[in-house]
Structure formats: structure tokens, C-alpha cells
Amino acid sequence: MSLRLSLALAAGGCALPEEGRIAVFAPRAGLDLSALPKDRVSILQPLRPDFEAFEAAGFTCLPGLADLPEAERFAAALVFLPRAKAEARLLVAQAEAVTSGPVLVDGAKTDGIDSVLKAVRKLTETSAPLSKAHGKIFWFQGGNNTLGDWIPESGASVDGFVTAPGVFSADGIDPASKLLVGCLPEKLGRRVADLGAGWGYLAAQILKRTGVEHVHLVEADHVALGCARQNIADARAEFHWVDARKWQAPEQINTVVMNPPFHAGRSAEPELGQAFISAAANMLVASGHLWMVANRHLPYETLLGERFAAVSEVAGDNRFKVLHAQRPRRAKG
């Protein structure tokens, strides 16, 4: 149960309209939204695993506002703050822009709820915040367009690439990915998959290699994948909004290139990268290659040795390591 949401609706003085749809921005899987009328809720969640979790629970789900009918407005909105400051402000501003009633903003102290509250208060009247479970919730009236400056211009670029608030490496080319590109051979094979493709930097470099006929960009973040579509205008690129751990390649893959994620929220989870390694091994041809970059401390070599016949570190520094694995072994069982 979202304790702060329940507190706001039950005793805090925030009354939801009795009719009309309620937008819920960026809730993470496992969050209990039973305080809301499910039949009126639209979940806006660009992360595929969380999207699928709420869809399986019976909620109406959309990856983002671009998928809404242009004239549709919400009677109320609820924003669960993400960690990234720019993304948090963007979501609050988007909620305000498409909502005619109350906009509730919920977040932990570690997610910057205090700074968001302070910033919103400078622009519009808000409720008194309610504190519970190391966080706060507050609300204000939507539809007044007081937060429009928090929505960045579309198509803004960094290092020549379109990015967006909240996506991985939104401020520029990730140094680990740049290190990996410098190690890639000129010939990668005809069919290449970029797992966790982000906004498309690696795929853009892969497409410059000799003999590449098809590149699959596999990315769980709908926002990042939308940026990749803008960054790569090449008919050889195919875009897949899917969790790379579940993706079924439509053809045999000669090479996988990846800079896999290793965080879920604030917690480091090396199992994510390990799952990417297993997925890569399962989709590659018998003579296939995996090229990946990772933070120096992450424990990937043991699994690579189990899933590939040959593994080597080809480059690195005190922060990162570039690993090359060849000839996958099929998973047992």
C-alpha cells in the first residue's frame, strides 16, 4: 500500500473527482494502488517490466503521453517521483498540463521530494505536505500551465544526439560505451543486436562497421528508444521495446554488443547484467561474439566462462573493463 497516498485521500483533505480518468505517472512494479479506483486509472510507465506488471494486474497502461488522444485530459493525476531531478520536474509539469483537477506528487526524501515541493511552491499554491515513511506527498491544482518551463524543447541534442531527462547518460555519451566502441572490430557480422540500446549511441557506431546488414536495438525504456529512433535514420535498424532478458531474436545473431544496466532503482543488482549475458549466449550463432563493457567491480567473468568457450578482457582502466566472449555454450537443462 502507498501509505502516503492513503493518508492524503483518507485524512489529508485531498478529494479525488468522482468522475473522470486518473493518470498515474511512473509507478514502480509492486506499488499498491488499491486506494485508487482501478477502472478509472491510466498508468503512464515507459519501463517495460513495470508496464507489464501493472498491465497484468488489470490496469490500463500507456508508455507515455504521446499515446494519448490529443484532446484527452485527466480529472486528477498522481506522480511518483523518479530519482533524476530533470525527469521528476518533467513528469510533474506534464501531469499539470494534462490535468484539470488535483495533481498529487509523492516521493521519498532520497528522491528529492523536498526540492520539488520547494520549486513548485514558487510557481503555484500547494497543499501542506504530509509526511510518512521517510517521504512526503503534496498536491496542487492542475491545468494552469504554471510549470511549462519545466518541459524541455523536443529534439534538443547533446553531443549531436537526442536524449531526454531520466534516460541513461542523458547528459552526453557514456564514457564506458565510448571505450567499448574503440575496441569493436571493423567486421561484426551481418546481424548484430544491441541489448539495452538506450538512446542509440552504440547502435549508431555499429552501423558504421563493414558488412552490417541488420541491427536490433533492444531497450526496455520507451523514452530512450524514442530518442534512438530520432538518432538513427537507417533502414537497417530495427527497434524493440522489450526487456532484453525476455527478447526472442527473430533471426540468428552474429554479434551482441552491450553496456548492460546493473541498477534497479537505487540498489546495485549485478544479476541484471548476468541475465543480459545469458540472453546474449542464447541468441548467438555457434561462432558468435559478445562484446560488452562493465564497471570494473562487477562479477561477470565466471558466468561468461560458463556460457562461452573463450573470454578475454581486451581493454580497461580503473573504472571499466571491456570483455570479449566467443562461441557460446547452450544453457544446460
Protein backbone atom coordinates (compact mmCIF):
# COMPACT_ATOMS: atom_id res chain seq x y z
CA MET A 1 0.00 0.00 0.00
CA SER A 2 1.21 3.52 -0.76
CA LEU A 3 0.88 4.80 2.81
CA ARG A 4 1.27 8.45 1.90
CA LEU A 5 -1.37 8.23 -0.84
CA SER A 6 -3.83 6.56 1.50
CA LEU A 7 -3.13 9.20 4.13
CA ALA A 8 -3.74 12.04 1.66
CA LEU A 9 -7.03 10.60 0.41
CA ALA A 10 -8.39 9.33 3.71
CA ALA A 11 -7.49 12.08 6.15
CA GLY A 12 -5.36 14.63 4.39
CA GLY A 13 -8.07 16.59 2.69
CA CYS A 14 -7.36 15.65 -0.94
CA ALA A 15 -10.60 14.59 -2.62
CA LEU A 16 -10.44 12.91 -5.99
CA PRO A 17 -13.12 13.88 -8.51
CA GLU A 18 -15.92 11.33 -8.59
CA GLU A 19 -15.77 11.06 -12.37
CA GLY A 20 -13.04 11.16 -15.00
CA ARG A 21 -9.79 9.32 -15.53
CA ILE A 22 -6.84 9.47 -13.16
CA ALA A 23 -3.30 9.47 -14.56
CA VAL A 24 -0.59 7.78 -12.53
CA PHE A 25 2.91 8.73 -13.66
CA ALA A 26 5.89 6.40 -13.19
CA PRO A 27 4.74 3.95 -10.51
CA ARG A 28 7.18 1.09 -9.98
CA ALA A 29 6.10 -2.54 -10.05
CA GLY A 30 4.84 -3.79 -6.71
CA LEU A 31 3.37 -0.47 -5.62
CA ASP A 32 -0.12 -0.96 -4.19
CA LEU A 33 -2.57 1.44 -5.84
CA SER A 34 -5.70 -0.03 -4.26
CA ALA A 35 -6.56 3.40 -2.81
CA LEU A 36 -7.47 4.43 -6.38
CA PRO A 37 -10.46 3.27 -8.46
CA LYS A 38 -8.75 0.85 -10.86
CA ASP A 39 -11.38 1.21 -13.58
CA ARG A 40 -10.57 4.94 -13.87
CA VAL A 41 -6.77 4.73 -13.68
CA SER A 42 -4.36 5.11 -16.59
CA ILE A 43 -0.79 4.08 -15.78
CA LEU A 44 1.86 6.03 -17.69
CA GLN A 45 5.00 3.94 -17.42
CA PRO A 46 7.75 3.81 -20.09
CA LEU A 47 9.75 0.99 -18.43
CA ARG A 48 8.62 -2.26 -20.00
CA PRO A 49 8.92 -4.57 -16.95
CA ASP A 50 6.86 -2.20 -14.77
CA PHE A 51 4.41 -1.57 -17.61
CA GLU A 52 3.83 -5.31 -17.96
CA ALA A 53 3.43 -5.79 -14.20
CA PHE A 54 0.61 -3.22 -13.98
CA GLU A 55 -0.98 -4.46 -17.19
CA ALA A 56 -1.03 -7.99 -15.75
CA ALA A 57 -2.71 -6.56 -12.63
CA GLY A 58 -5.57 -5.28 -14.79
CA PHE A 59 -4.67 -1.62 -15.17
CA THR A 60 -4.94 0.40 -18.38
CA CYS A 61 -1.34 1.19 -19.29
CA LEU A 62 0.35 3.59 -21.72
CA PRO A 63 4.07 4.13 -22.26
CA GLY A 64 3.67 7.91 -22.30
CA LEU A 65 1.58 10.95 -23.07
CA ALA A 66 2.31 10.72 -26.78
CA ASP A 67 -0.01 7.72 -26.88
CA LEU A 68 -2.99 9.72 -25.57
CA PRO A 69 -5.61 11.29 -27.82
CA GLU A 70 -4.56 14.93 -28.17
CA ALA A 71 -7.72 16.36 -26.60
CA GLU A 72 -7.88 13.95 -23.65
CA ARG A 73 -7.47 15.42 -20.20
CA PHE A 74 -7.44 13.81 -16.79
CA ALA A 75 -9.62 14.60 -13.80
CA ALA A 76 -6.65 14.02 -11.47
CA ALA A 77 -3.04 12.89 -11.62
CA LEU A 78 -0.55 11.27 -9.31
CA VAL A 79 3.22 11.48 -9.87
CA PHE A 80 5.67 9.12 -8.20
CA LEU A 81 8.98 10.92 -8.32
CA PRO A 82 11.91 9.21 -10.04
CA ARG A 83 15.48 9.76 -8.89
CA ALA A 84 16.59 12.05 -11.73
CA LYS A 85 15.80 15.70 -10.94
CA ALA A 86 15.15 16.77 -14.54
CA GLU A 87 12.87 13.79 -15.13
CA ALA A 88 10.98 14.46 -11.89
CA ARG A 89 10.28 18.05 -12.91
CA LEU A 90 9.26 16.97 -16.39
CA LEU A 91 6.72 14.45 -15.07
CA VAL A 92 5.20 16.95 -12.62
CA ALA A 93 4.92 19.54 -15.40
CA GLN A 94 3.37 17.02 -17.80
CA ALA A 95 0.86 15.99 -15.16
CA GLU A 96 -0.07 19.61 -14.53
CA ALA A 97 -0.50 20.22 -18.26
CA VAL A 98 -2.96 17.37 -18.89
CA THR A 99 -4.96 17.51 -15.66
CA SER A 100 -7.94 19.72 -14.85
CA GLY A 101 -8.14 18.67 -11.19
CA PRO A 102 -5.66 17.91 -8.41
CA VAL A 103 -2.10 16.80 -9.12
CA LEU A 104 -0.60 14.76 -6.28
CA VAL A 105 3.18 14.42 -6.03
CA ASP A 106 4.65 11.62 -3.93
CA GLY A 107 8.28 10.87 -3.23
CA ALA A 108 10.88 9.72 -0.76
CA LYS A 109 13.30 12.22 0.72
CA THR A 110 16.06 10.44 -1.17
CA ASP A 111 14.15 11.08 -4.41
CA GLY A 112 14.23 14.84 -3.88
CA ILE A 113 10.64 15.43 -2.77
CA ASP A 114 11.67 18.43 -0.65
CA SER A 115 13.36 20.24 -3.53
CA VAL A 116 10.43 19.55 -5.87
CA LEU A 117 7.97 20.84 -3.28
CA LYS A 118 10.02 23.98 -2.78
CA ALA A 119 10.23 24.59 -6.53
CA VAL A 120 6.50 24.03 -7.14
CA ARG A 121 5.61 26.36 -4.27
CA LYS A 122 7.46 29.18 -6.00
CA LEU A 123 5.16 28.85 -9.01
CA THR A 124 1.75 27.86 -7.64
CA GLU A 125 -0.17 27.28 -4.44
CA THR A 126 0.23 23.83 -2.91
CA SER A 127 -1.24 21.90 -0.02
CA ALA A 128 0.67 21.39 3.18
CA PRO A 129 2.83 18.29 2.71
CA LEU A 130 2.01 15.08 4.55
CA SER A 131 4.99 13.11 5.85
CA LYS A 132 5.09 9.35 6.22
CA ALA A 133 7.61 6.52 5.74
CA HIS A 134 10.63 8.75 5.02
CA GLY A 135 8.84 10.76 2.36
CA LYS A 136 6.14 13.30 1.60
CA ILE A 137 3.09 13.82 -0.55
CA PHE A 138 1.54 17.14 -1.56
CA TRP A 139 -0.89 18.35 -4.19
CA PHE A 140 -1.86 21.38 -6.23
CA GLN A 141 -4.42 22.38 -8.84
CA GLY A 142 -3.65 21.28 -12.38
CA GLY A 143 -4.50 22.94 -15.66
CA ASN A 144 -2.94 26.34 -15.00
CA ASN A 145 0.20 25.83 -17.09
CA THR A 146 2.41 27.25 -14.35
CA LEU A 147 5.16 24.66 -14.84
CA GLY A 148 5.54 24.88 -18.62
CA ASP A 149 9.19 25.93 -18.38
CA TRP A 150 9.98 22.54 -16.85
CA ILE A 151 9.20 20.80 -20.16
CA PRO A 152 12.30 20.87 -22.38
CA GLU A 153 12.13 21.58 -26.07
CA SER A 154 11.70 18.42 -28.10
CA GLY A 155 14.64 17.45 -30.26
CA ALA A 156 17.26 19.07 -28.01
CA SER A 157 20.59 17.31 -28.58
CA VAL A 158 23.71 16.50 -26.59
CA ASP A 159 26.92 15.67 -28.47
CA GLY A 160 24.79 15.62 -31.61
CA PHE A 161 22.34 13.04 -30.22
CA VAL A 162 18.78 13.50 -28.99
CA THR A 163 18.41 12.46 -25.35
CA ALA A 164 15.72 13.04 -22.72
CA PRO A 165 15.52 13.62 -18.96
CA GLY A 166 15.84 10.43 -16.97
CA VAL A 167 17.31 8.19 -19.67
CA PHE A 168 20.71 6.62 -19.10
CA SER A 169 23.55 9.02 -19.96
CA ALA A 170 21.16 11.86 -20.72
CA ASP A 171 23.90 14.48 -20.48
CA GLY A 172 26.21 13.02 -23.12
CA ILE A 173 28.00 9.97 -24.44
CA ASP A 174 28.67 7.46 -21.69
CA PRO A 175 32.46 7.01 -21.26
CA ALA A 176 32.13 3.25 -20.86
CA SER A 177 30.22 2.98 -24.14
CA LYS A 178 32.82 5.16 -25.84
CA LEU A 179 35.57 2.84 -24.55
CA LEU A 180 33.68 -0.17 -25.91
CA VAL A 181 33.27 1.40 -29.37
CA GLY A 182 37.03 1.92 -29.56
CA CYS A 183 37.52 -1.84 -29.13
CA LEU A 184 34.99 -3.11 -31.65
CA PRO A 185 36.47 -4.75 -34.74
CA GLU A 186 35.70 -3.44 -38.18
CA LYS A 187 33.75 -6.60 -39.03
CA LEU A 188 30.98 -7.62 -36.63
CA GLY A 189 28.98 -9.88 -38.92
CA ARG A 190 25.77 -9.29 -40.78
CA ARG A 191 23.30 -9.39 -37.89
CA VAL A 192 24.03 -7.53 -34.65
CA ALA A 193 21.96 -6.98 -31.50
CA ASP A 194 22.48 -4.07 -29.11
CA LEU A 195 20.97 -5.14 -25.78
CA GLY A 196 19.96 -2.22 -23.59
CA ALA A 197 20.42 0.11 -26.55
CA GLY A 198 19.43 3.31 -24.73
CA TRP A 199 19.25 6.34 -26.98
CA GLY A 200 21.26 4.62 -29.68
CA TYR A 201 24.92 5.61 -29.36
CA LEU A 202 26.33 2.09 -29.67
CA ALA A 203 23.98 1.13 -32.49
CA ALA A 204 24.91 4.26 -34.42
CA GLN A 205 28.57 3.23 -34.27
CA ILE A 206 27.80 -0.41 -35.12
CA LEU A 207 26.05 0.72 -38.30
CA LYS A 208 29.32 2.27 -39.46
CA ARG A 209 31.05 -1.13 -39.45
CA THR A 210 31.71 -3.04 -42.66
CA GLY A 211 29.17 -5.67 -43.69
CA VAL A 212 26.48 -4.93 -41.09
CA GLU A 213 23.08 -5.62 -42.64
CA HIS A 214 20.75 -5.54 -39.65
CA VAL A 215 20.99 -4.06 -36.15
CA HIS A 216 18.40 -4.83 -33.48
CA LEU A 217 18.08 -2.13 -30.81
CA VAL A 218 16.56 -3.80 -27.74
CA GLU A 219 15.57 -1.37 -24.99
CA ALA A 220 13.13 -1.50 -22.07
CA ASP A 221 12.79 2.29 -21.68
CA HIS A 222 10.25 3.62 -24.16
CA VAL A 223 11.58 7.17 -23.80
CA ALA A 224 15.15 6.13 -24.57
CA LEU A 225 14.01 4.06 -27.53
CA GLY A 226 12.08 7.06 -28.86
CA CYS A 227 15.32 9.05 -28.75
CA ALA A 228 17.10 6.22 -30.60
CA ARG A 229 14.51 6.38 -33.35
CA GLN A 230 15.39 10.05 -33.83
CA ASN A 231 19.12 9.43 -33.67
CA ILE A 232 19.23 6.56 -36.17
CA ALA A 233 17.65 7.11 -39.56
CA ASP A 234 18.85 3.89 -41.11
CA ALA A 235 16.68 1.21 -42.68
CA ARG A 236 18.98 -1.48 -41.29
CA ALA A 237 17.96 -0.59 -37.71
CA GLU A 238 15.03 -2.31 -36.03
CA PHE A 239 13.70 -1.06 -32.70
CA HIS A 240 12.27 -3.31 -30.00
CA TRP A 241 10.56 -2.00 -26.85
CA VAL A 242 11.12 -5.04 -24.68
CA ASP A 243 13.07 -6.29 -21.68
CA ALA A 244 16.30 -7.65 -23.19
CA ARG A 245 16.17 -10.58 -20.77
CA LYS A 246 12.94 -11.74 -22.45
CA TRP A 247 13.59 -10.76 -26.06
CA GLN A 248 13.33 -13.50 -28.66
CA ALA A 249 15.55 -12.66 -31.61
CA PRO A 250 13.68 -13.05 -34.92
CA GLU A 251 16.85 -14.26 -36.64
CA GLN A 252 20.23 -15.73 -35.76
CA ILE A 253 22.57 -13.10 -34.34
CA ASN A 254 26.26 -12.98 -35.23
CA THR A 255 27.33 -10.45 -32.59
CA VAL A 256 25.86 -8.94 -29.45
CA VAL A 257 27.17 -5.58 -28.25
CA MET A 258 26.07 -4.21 -24.89
CA ASN A 259 26.65 -1.93 -21.94
CA PRO A 260 24.17 -3.65 -19.62
CA PRO A 261 22.43 -1.97 -16.68
CA PHE A 262 23.33 -3.02 -13.17
CA HIS A 263 20.95 -0.97 -11.05
CA ALA A 264 17.30 -1.44 -10.15
CA GLY A 265 16.26 1.81 -8.51
CA ARG A 266 18.99 2.69 -6.03
CA SER A 267 20.14 -0.88 -5.48
CA ALA A 268 23.04 -2.41 -7.37
CA GLU A 269 21.96 -5.70 -8.92
CA PRO A 270 24.73 -7.47 -10.86
CA GLU A 271 22.12 -10.12 -11.68
CA LEU A 272 20.76 -7.76 -14.33
CA GLY A 273 23.98 -7.80 -16.30
CA GLN A 274 24.32 -11.54 -15.74
CA ALA A 275 20.85 -12.04 -17.21
CA PHE A 276 21.91 -9.99 -20.25
CA ILE A 277 24.93 -12.28 -20.68
CA SER A 278 22.73 -15.38 -20.61
CA ALA A 279 20.31 -13.81 -23.08
CA ALA A 280 23.21 -12.98 -25.41
CA ALA A 281 24.56 -16.52 -25.26
CA ASN A 282 21.15 -17.93 -26.10
CA MET A 283 20.63 -15.79 -29.21
CA LEU A 284 24.07 -16.02 -30.80
CA VAL A 285 25.09 -18.41 -33.57
CA ALA A 286 27.62 -21.11 -32.62
CA SER A 287 30.51 -18.95 -33.84
CA GLY A 288 29.05 -15.78 -32.34
CA HIS A 289 30.74 -13.00 -30.42
CA LEU A 290 29.77 -10.91 -27.40
CA TRP A 291 31.37 -7.51 -26.84
CA MET A 292 30.47 -5.80 -23.59
CA VAL A 293 31.67 -3.11 -21.21
CA ALA A 294 31.10 -3.09 -17.46
CA ASN A 295 32.18 -1.38 -14.29
CA ARG A 296 35.43 -2.86 -13.06
CA HIS A 297 33.96 -4.32 -9.85
CA LEU A 298 31.08 -6.26 -11.42
CA PRO A 299 31.41 -10.08 -11.25
CA TYR A 300 30.74 -11.18 -14.80
CA GLU A 301 33.76 -13.30 -15.72
CA THR A 302 32.61 -16.51 -14.01
CA LEU A 303 29.30 -16.60 -15.88
CA LEU A 304 31.00 -15.63 -19.14
CA GLY A 305 33.35 -18.57 -18.69
CA GLU A 306 30.39 -20.88 -18.17
CA ARG A 307 28.44 -19.61 -21.18
CA PHE A 308 31.27 -19.04 -23.69
CA ALA A 309 34.24 -21.11 -24.86
CA ALA A 310 36.68 -18.18 -24.82
CA VAL A 311 36.65 -14.99 -22.75
CA SER A 312 39.19 -12.18 -22.58
CA GLU A 313 39.49 -8.64 -21.26
CA VAL A 314 40.62 -6.55 -24.21
CA ALA A 315 40.75 -3.09 -22.65
CA GLY A 316 40.03 -1.28 -19.43
CA ASP A 317 41.05 1.18 -16.76
CA ASN A 318 40.39 1.58 -13.05
CA ARG A 319 36.68 2.21 -13.74
CA PHE A 320 35.70 -0.03 -16.66
CA LYS A 321 36.57 -3.26 -18.44
CA VAL A 322 35.80 -4.34 -22.00
CA LEU A 323 35.14 -8.07 -22.30
CA HIS A 324 35.08 -10.18 -25.45
CA ALA A 325 33.46 -13.62 -25.39
CA GLN A 326 33.33 -16.11 -28.26
CA ARG A 327 31.47 -19.30 -29.18
CA PRO A 328 28.50 -19.52 -26.84
CA ARG A 329 27.62 -22.66 -24.95
CA ARG A 330 23.95 -23.55 -24.74
CA ALA A 331 22.37 -23.39 -21.31
CA LYS A 332 22.02 -26.77 -19.60
CA GLY A 333 18.61 -28.16 -18.84
